[in-house]
Structures are given as C-alpha cells and as structure tokens.
Amino acid sequence: MRIWDLSPAKLCRRHLLAEHRELHAVWSILTRGKKGYAQHPETLRWQGRLKALYLRHEELVVELKARGYAHRSPLEIELATGESKQTQLIDSPAEQLRILRSKNCDCKFYIEGTAPPE
C-alpha cells in the first residue's frame, strides 16, 4: 500500500491507477472505521490529514482525466477535515524516485522527463 508524495504526472499508468485505488482504501479505513490495514504505516500517516488526502485525490483525478480516464469515484468533501498538507513521510521524495526507478515500469520515462511510451 502506497500513496506517493510525487507529482501524479511522474507515475506510470500502473502506479497512477494503483495509488488511486489505495487512496480510496485509506479513505474508507479512516472515514468509515474499516479494520483492514488500519495499522499500516501508510494509513496511520493520513490520520488527522483527511483534507490533505482529499487534495491528493483531486491531484490524481486531474492526471487521470488528462490521460483520458473517466473518473466516477469522488470523495465526500464534507469528510475532508484536518491538516491540508501531508508532512509525515515514510520515504523522502528522493527515495520514492529511487524506488520507482528500480521497478520494471514506465515511471522512469516520466521521471527522466521524456514522453511515456505509446
């Protein structure tokens, strides 16, 4: 489970879609008291920061739409409370870039500044 602290534009299709799915899972855990992954470090770092999580979701939605995806899973804005900025990181942005570079995916194309493969 991971919600990146990088621009969604840097993420390949696989990681963009996975983050969107996982963000919804974290949102559900925190707003509906779901038990699964409630003690996961990624979930814990968003406690008290639902507004920041909501804003991250909105960033993902912009990127999803820019890539031609239809978005049909909005979050409830009235639940977006707490801090509006995420200051707790599991890995630094530089380490997150290193992690993405080590994966067998297309994120490196975005990270290196070239166009993604068609």
N, C-alpha and C. Protein backbone atom coordinates (compact mmCIF):
# COMPACT_ATOMS: atom_id res chain seq x y z
N MET A 1 0.86 -1.17 0.00
CA MET A 1 0.00 0.00 0.00
C MET A 1 0.90 1.23 0.00
N ARG A 2 0.62 2.14 -0.95
CA ARG A 2 1.43 3.35 -1.01
C ARG A 2 0.65 4.49 -1.65
N ILE A 3 0.80 5.65 -1.02
CA ILE A 3 0.37 6.89 -1.63
C ILE A 3 1.64 7.71 -1.79
N TRP A 4 2.00 7.96 -3.03
CA TRP A 4 3.26 8.64 -3.33
C TRP A 4 3.18 10.11 -2.93
N ASP A 5 4.33 10.69 -2.72
CA ASP A 5 4.44 12.11 -2.42
C ASP A 5 5.12 12.83 -3.58
N LEU A 6 4.81 12.36 -4.77
CA LEU A 6 5.36 12.90 -6.02
C LEU A 6 4.21 13.36 -6.89
N SER A 7 4.53 14.16 -7.87
CA SER A 7 3.50 14.59 -8.82
C SER A 7 2.90 13.37 -9.51
N PRO A 8 1.58 13.30 -9.60
CA PRO A 8 0.96 12.17 -10.31
C PRO A 8 1.43 12.06 -11.76
N ALA A 9 1.87 13.16 -12.35
CA ALA A 9 2.37 13.13 -13.73
C ALA A 9 3.63 12.27 -13.87
N LYS A 10 4.34 12.04 -12.76
CA LYS A 10 5.55 11.22 -12.81
C LYS A 10 5.24 9.72 -12.81
N LEU A 11 4.00 9.37 -12.49
CA LEU A 11 3.65 7.96 -12.32
C LEU A 11 3.22 7.33 -13.63
N CYS A 12 3.65 6.10 -13.83
CA CYS A 12 3.18 5.34 -14.97
C CYS A 12 1.71 4.97 -14.74
N ARG A 13 1.09 4.47 -15.77
CA ARG A 13 -0.32 4.08 -15.70
C ARG A 13 -0.58 3.15 -14.52
N ARG A 14 0.26 2.12 -14.39
CA ARG A 14 0.07 1.12 -13.34
C ARG A 14 0.10 1.74 -11.95
N HIS A 15 1.08 2.60 -11.69
CA HIS A 15 1.21 3.20 -10.37
C HIS A 15 0.16 4.28 -10.13
N LEU A 16 -0.22 5.01 -11.16
CA LEU A 16 -1.28 6.01 -11.02
C LEU A 16 -2.60 5.34 -10.63
N LEU A 17 -2.97 4.30 -11.34
CA LEU A 17 -4.22 3.61 -11.03
C LEU A 17 -4.18 2.90 -9.68
N ALA A 18 -3.03 2.32 -9.36
CA ALA A 18 -2.89 1.65 -8.06
C ALA A 18 -2.99 2.64 -6.91
N GLU A 19 -2.34 3.80 -7.07
CA GLU A 19 -2.42 4.79 -6.00
C GLU A 19 -3.87 5.26 -5.82
N HIS A 20 -4.57 5.47 -6.90
CA HIS A 20 -5.97 5.90 -6.79
C HIS A 20 -6.78 4.87 -6.03
N ARG A 21 -6.60 3.62 -6.35
CA ARG A 21 -7.32 2.54 -5.66
C ARG A 21 -6.94 2.49 -4.18
N GLU A 22 -5.65 2.60 -3.88
CA GLU A 22 -5.19 2.52 -2.50
C GLU A 22 -5.61 3.75 -1.69
N LEU A 23 -5.65 4.90 -2.34
CA LEU A 23 -6.12 6.10 -1.66
C LEU A 23 -7.57 5.92 -1.23
N HIS A 24 -8.38 5.33 -2.08
CA HIS A 24 -9.77 5.07 -1.70
C HIS A 24 -9.84 4.09 -0.52
N ALA A 25 -8.93 3.13 -0.49
CA ALA A 25 -8.92 2.19 0.64
C ALA A 25 -8.57 2.92 1.94
N VAL A 26 -7.54 3.77 1.90
CA VAL A 26 -7.15 4.52 3.09
C VAL A 26 -8.30 5.44 3.53
N TRP A 27 -8.92 6.10 2.58
CA TRP A 27 -10.06 6.99 2.88
C TRP A 27 -11.16 6.21 3.58
N SER A 28 -11.47 5.04 3.07
CA SER A 28 -12.52 4.20 3.64
C SER A 28 -12.18 3.76 5.06
N ILE A 29 -10.94 3.38 5.26
CA ILE A 29 -10.49 2.97 6.59
C ILE A 29 -10.65 4.12 7.59
N LEU A 30 -10.21 5.31 7.18
CA LEU A 30 -10.21 6.45 8.09
C LEU A 30 -11.57 7.09 8.28
N THR A 31 -12.44 7.03 7.29
CA THR A 31 -13.73 7.70 7.41
C THR A 31 -14.85 6.76 7.83
N ARG A 32 -14.65 5.47 7.64
CA ARG A 32 -15.71 4.52 7.96
C ARG A 32 -15.30 3.49 9.01
N GLY A 33 -14.11 3.66 9.56
CA GLY A 33 -13.67 2.77 10.62
C GLY A 33 -13.41 1.34 10.17
N LYS A 34 -13.07 1.15 8.90
CA LYS A 34 -12.76 -0.19 8.41
C LYS A 34 -11.49 -0.68 9.12
N LYS A 35 -11.40 -1.97 9.32
CA LYS A 35 -10.29 -2.53 10.10
C LYS A 35 -9.07 -2.88 9.26
N GLY A 36 -9.29 -3.39 8.04
CA GLY A 36 -8.17 -3.84 7.21
C GLY A 36 -7.15 -2.74 6.98
N TYR A 37 -5.92 -3.00 7.26
CA TYR A 37 -4.80 -2.06 7.08
C TYR A 37 -4.91 -0.80 7.94
N ALA A 38 -5.74 -0.83 8.96
CA ALA A 38 -5.90 0.34 9.83
C ALA A 38 -4.60 0.69 10.54
N GLN A 39 -3.72 -0.29 10.78
CA GLN A 39 -2.46 -0.02 11.47
C GLN A 39 -1.27 0.05 10.52
N HIS A 40 -1.54 0.03 9.23
CA HIS A 40 -0.46 0.12 8.24
C HIS A 40 0.15 1.53 8.31
N PRO A 41 1.47 1.65 8.20
CA PRO A 41 2.10 2.97 8.28
C PRO A 41 1.52 3.98 7.28
N GLU A 42 1.18 3.53 6.10
CA GLU A 42 0.60 4.44 5.10
C GLU A 42 -0.75 4.98 5.56
N THR A 43 -1.54 4.14 6.20
CA THR A 43 -2.83 4.59 6.72
C THR A 43 -2.62 5.54 7.90
N LEU A 44 -1.74 5.16 8.80
CA LEU A 44 -1.51 5.96 10.01
C LEU A 44 -1.03 7.37 9.70
N ARG A 45 -0.22 7.52 8.65
CA ARG A 45 0.31 8.86 8.36
C ARG A 45 -0.75 9.83 7.85
N TRP A 46 -1.92 9.32 7.46
CA TRP A 46 -3.01 10.18 6.99
C TRP A 46 -4.03 10.49 8.07
N GLN A 47 -3.89 9.90 9.25
CA GLN A 47 -4.81 10.23 10.34
C GLN A 47 -4.68 11.71 10.67
N GLY A 48 -5.82 12.39 10.77
CA GLY A 48 -5.81 13.82 11.06
C GLY A 48 -5.45 14.68 9.86
N ARG A 49 -5.37 14.05 8.69
CA ARG A 49 -4.98 14.76 7.47
C ARG A 49 -5.91 14.40 6.30
N LEU A 50 -7.19 14.24 6.60
CA LEU A 50 -8.13 13.87 5.55
C LEU A 50 -8.26 14.94 4.47
N LYS A 51 -8.07 16.20 4.85
CA LYS A 51 -8.12 17.25 3.84
C LYS A 51 -6.94 17.09 2.87
N ALA A 52 -5.78 16.78 3.40
CA ALA A 52 -4.61 16.54 2.54
C ALA A 52 -4.84 15.32 1.65
N LEU A 53 -5.45 14.29 2.19
CA LEU A 53 -5.74 13.09 1.41
C LEU A 53 -6.74 13.41 0.30
N TYR A 54 -7.75 14.21 0.64
CA TYR A 54 -8.73 14.64 -0.35
C TYR A 54 -8.04 15.42 -1.48
N LEU A 55 -7.14 16.33 -1.11
CA LEU A 55 -6.44 17.13 -2.11
C LEU A 55 -5.52 16.26 -2.98
N ARG A 56 -4.91 15.25 -2.39
CA ARG A 56 -4.10 14.32 -3.18
C ARG A 56 -5.00 13.60 -4.18
N HIS A 57 -6.17 13.19 -3.73
CA HIS A 57 -7.11 12.51 -4.62
C HIS A 57 -7.45 13.43 -5.80
N GLU A 58 -7.68 14.70 -5.52
CA GLU A 58 -8.02 15.64 -6.59
C GLU A 58 -6.87 15.78 -7.58
N GLU A 59 -5.63 15.75 -7.10
CA GLU A 59 -4.47 15.77 -8.00
C GLU A 59 -4.47 14.54 -8.90
N LEU A 60 -4.76 13.39 -8.31
CA LEU A 60 -4.82 12.15 -9.10
C LEU A 60 -5.92 12.23 -10.15
N VAL A 61 -7.06 12.77 -9.79
CA VAL A 61 -8.19 12.89 -10.72
C VAL A 61 -7.81 13.75 -11.91
N VAL A 62 -7.12 14.86 -11.67
CA VAL A 62 -6.69 15.72 -12.77
C VAL A 62 -5.81 14.92 -13.73
N GLU A 63 -4.88 14.16 -13.20
CA GLU A 63 -3.97 13.37 -14.05
C GLU A 63 -4.72 12.25 -14.75
N LEU A 64 -5.63 11.59 -14.05
CA LEU A 64 -6.43 10.53 -14.68
C LEU A 64 -7.20 11.08 -15.88
N LYS A 65 -7.84 12.21 -15.69
CA LYS A 65 -8.62 12.82 -16.77
C LYS A 65 -7.72 13.27 -17.91
N ALA A 66 -6.54 13.80 -17.58
CA ALA A 66 -5.59 14.22 -18.63
C ALA A 66 -5.16 13.04 -19.49
N ARG A 67 -5.16 11.86 -18.91
CA ARG A 67 -4.78 10.65 -19.66
C ARG A 67 -5.97 9.95 -20.29
N GLY A 68 -7.14 10.56 -20.19
CA GLY A 68 -8.30 10.04 -20.87
C GLY A 68 -9.18 9.09 -20.07
N TYR A 69 -8.92 8.96 -18.78
CA TYR A 69 -9.74 8.10 -17.94
C TYR A 69 -10.99 8.86 -17.47
N ALA A 70 -12.08 8.14 -17.39
CA ALA A 70 -13.30 8.71 -16.81
C ALA A 70 -13.25 8.44 -15.30
N HIS A 71 -13.43 9.48 -14.51
CA HIS A 71 -13.38 9.31 -13.06
C HIS A 71 -14.80 9.33 -12.51
N ARG A 72 -15.14 8.27 -11.78
CA ARG A 72 -16.51 8.16 -11.24
C ARG A 72 -16.52 7.79 -9.76
N SER A 73 -15.48 8.16 -9.04
CA SER A 73 -15.44 7.80 -7.62
C SER A 73 -14.99 8.99 -6.77
N PRO A 74 -15.81 10.03 -6.71
CA PRO A 74 -15.43 11.20 -5.90
C PRO A 74 -15.44 10.87 -4.41
N LEU A 75 -14.66 11.63 -3.69
CA LEU A 75 -14.66 11.52 -2.23
C LEU A 75 -15.63 12.55 -1.67
N GLU A 76 -16.12 12.30 -0.48
CA GLU A 76 -17.06 13.19 0.18
C GLU A 76 -16.30 14.38 0.78
N ILE A 77 -16.45 15.53 0.16
CA ILE A 77 -15.70 16.72 0.60
C ILE A 77 -15.99 17.08 2.05
N GLU A 78 -17.21 16.80 2.52
CA GLU A 78 -17.54 17.14 3.91
C GLU A 78 -16.74 16.33 4.93
N LEU A 79 -16.13 15.24 4.50
CA LEU A 79 -15.29 14.43 5.39
C LEU A 79 -13.83 14.86 5.36
N ALA A 80 -13.50 15.80 4.47
CA ALA A 80 -12.11 16.25 4.29
C ALA A 80 -11.75 17.25 5.38
N THR A 81 -11.40 16.72 6.54
CA THR A 81 -11.09 17.55 7.71
C THR A 81 -9.61 17.41 8.07
N GLY A 82 -9.18 18.20 9.00
CA GLY A 82 -7.82 18.11 9.49
C GLY A 82 -6.83 18.89 8.64
N GLU A 83 -5.58 18.53 8.76
CA GLU A 83 -4.50 19.23 8.06
C GLU A 83 -4.67 19.13 6.55
N SER A 84 -4.28 20.20 5.86
CA SER A 84 -4.40 20.21 4.40
C SER A 84 -3.10 19.87 3.71
N LYS A 85 -2.05 19.65 4.48
CA LYS A 85 -0.75 19.31 3.91
C LYS A 85 -0.21 18.08 4.62
N GLN A 86 0.31 17.14 3.83
CA GLN A 86 0.93 15.95 4.40
C GLN A 86 2.38 16.27 4.72
N THR A 87 2.74 16.17 5.99
CA THR A 87 4.11 16.44 6.41
C THR A 87 4.82 15.19 6.91
N GLN A 88 4.08 14.12 7.12
CA GLN A 88 4.67 12.86 7.55
C GLN A 88 4.98 12.02 6.33
N LEU A 89 6.23 11.69 6.15
CA LEU A 89 6.63 10.86 5.02
C LEU A 89 7.19 9.54 5.51
N ILE A 90 6.94 8.50 4.77
CA ILE A 90 7.56 7.20 5.05
C ILE A 90 8.93 7.19 4.40
N ASP A 91 9.00 7.65 3.16
CA ASP A 91 10.26 7.79 2.43
C ASP A 91 10.32 9.21 1.87
N SER A 92 11.52 9.75 1.78
CA SER A 92 11.68 11.08 1.19
C SER A 92 11.30 11.03 -0.28
N PRO A 93 10.96 12.17 -0.88
CA PRO A 93 10.69 12.17 -2.32
C PRO A 93 11.85 11.60 -3.14
N ALA A 94 13.08 11.91 -2.75
CA ALA A 94 14.24 11.36 -3.47
C ALA A 94 14.26 9.84 -3.39
N GLU A 95 13.95 9.29 -2.22
CA GLU A 95 13.91 7.83 -2.06
C GLU A 95 12.74 7.25 -2.86
N GLN A 96 11.62 7.96 -2.89
CA GLN A 96 10.49 7.48 -3.68
C GLN A 96 10.86 7.42 -5.17
N LEU A 97 11.59 8.43 -5.65
CA LEU A 97 12.06 8.39 -7.04
C LEU A 97 12.98 7.20 -7.27
N ARG A 98 13.86 6.93 -6.31
CA ARG A 98 14.76 5.78 -6.43
C ARG A 98 13.96 4.48 -6.50
N ILE A 99 12.95 4.36 -5.65
CA ILE A 99 12.10 3.16 -5.64
C ILE A 99 11.42 2.99 -7.00
N LEU A 100 10.88 4.07 -7.53
CA LEU A 100 10.21 3.98 -8.83
C LEU A 100 11.19 3.61 -9.94
N ARG A 101 12.39 4.19 -9.89
CA ARG A 101 13.39 3.86 -10.91
C ARG A 101 13.77 2.38 -10.87
N SER A 102 13.68 1.76 -9.71
CA SER A 102 14.08 0.36 -9.57
C SER A 102 13.00 -0.62 -10.03
N LYS A 103 11.81 -0.13 -10.30
CA LYS A 103 10.71 -1.01 -10.71
C LYS A 103 10.72 -1.18 -12.22
N ASN A 104 10.20 -2.27 -12.65
CA ASN A 104 10.11 -2.55 -14.07
C ASN A 104 8.80 -1.95 -14.60
N CYS A 105 8.80 -0.62 -14.75
CA CYS A 105 7.58 0.07 -15.18
C CYS A 105 7.98 1.26 -16.03
N ASP A 106 6.99 2.02 -16.43
CA ASP A 106 7.24 3.19 -17.27
C ASP A 106 7.40 4.48 -16.48
N CYS A 107 7.40 4.41 -15.15
CA CYS A 107 7.56 5.63 -14.37
C CYS A 107 8.85 6.35 -14.74
N LYS A 108 9.87 5.61 -15.04
CA LYS A 108 11.16 6.23 -15.35
C LYS A 108 11.06 7.20 -16.52
N PHE A 109 10.15 6.95 -17.46
CA PHE A 109 10.00 7.85 -18.59
C PHE A 109 9.51 9.21 -18.11
N TYR A 110 8.59 9.21 -17.17
CA TYR A 110 8.08 10.47 -16.63
C TYR A 110 9.15 11.13 -15.78
N ILE A 111 9.82 10.35 -14.97
CA ILE A 111 10.82 10.88 -14.07
C ILE A 111 11.98 11.51 -14.84
N GLU A 112 12.39 10.86 -15.92
CA GLU A 112 13.53 11.36 -16.68
C GLU A 112 13.15 12.48 -17.63
N GLY A 113 11.87 12.82 -17.67
CA GLY A 113 11.44 13.96 -18.45
C GLY A 113 11.13 13.67 -19.91
N THR A 114 11.12 12.42 -20.30
CA THR A 114 10.76 12.11 -21.67
C THR A 114 9.32 11.65 -21.72
N ALA A 115 8.78 11.60 -22.89
CA ALA A 115 7.39 11.19 -23.06
C ALA A 115 7.23 9.71 -22.74
N PRO A 116 6.07 9.33 -22.19
CA PRO A 116 5.81 7.90 -21.93
C PRO A 116 5.63 7.15 -23.24
N PRO A 117 5.92 5.87 -23.24
CA PRO A 117 5.71 5.09 -24.45
C PRO A 117 4.24 5.04 -24.80
N GLU A 118 3.94 4.98 -26.08
CA GLU A 118 2.56 4.91 -26.53
C GLU A 118 2.00 3.52 -26.31
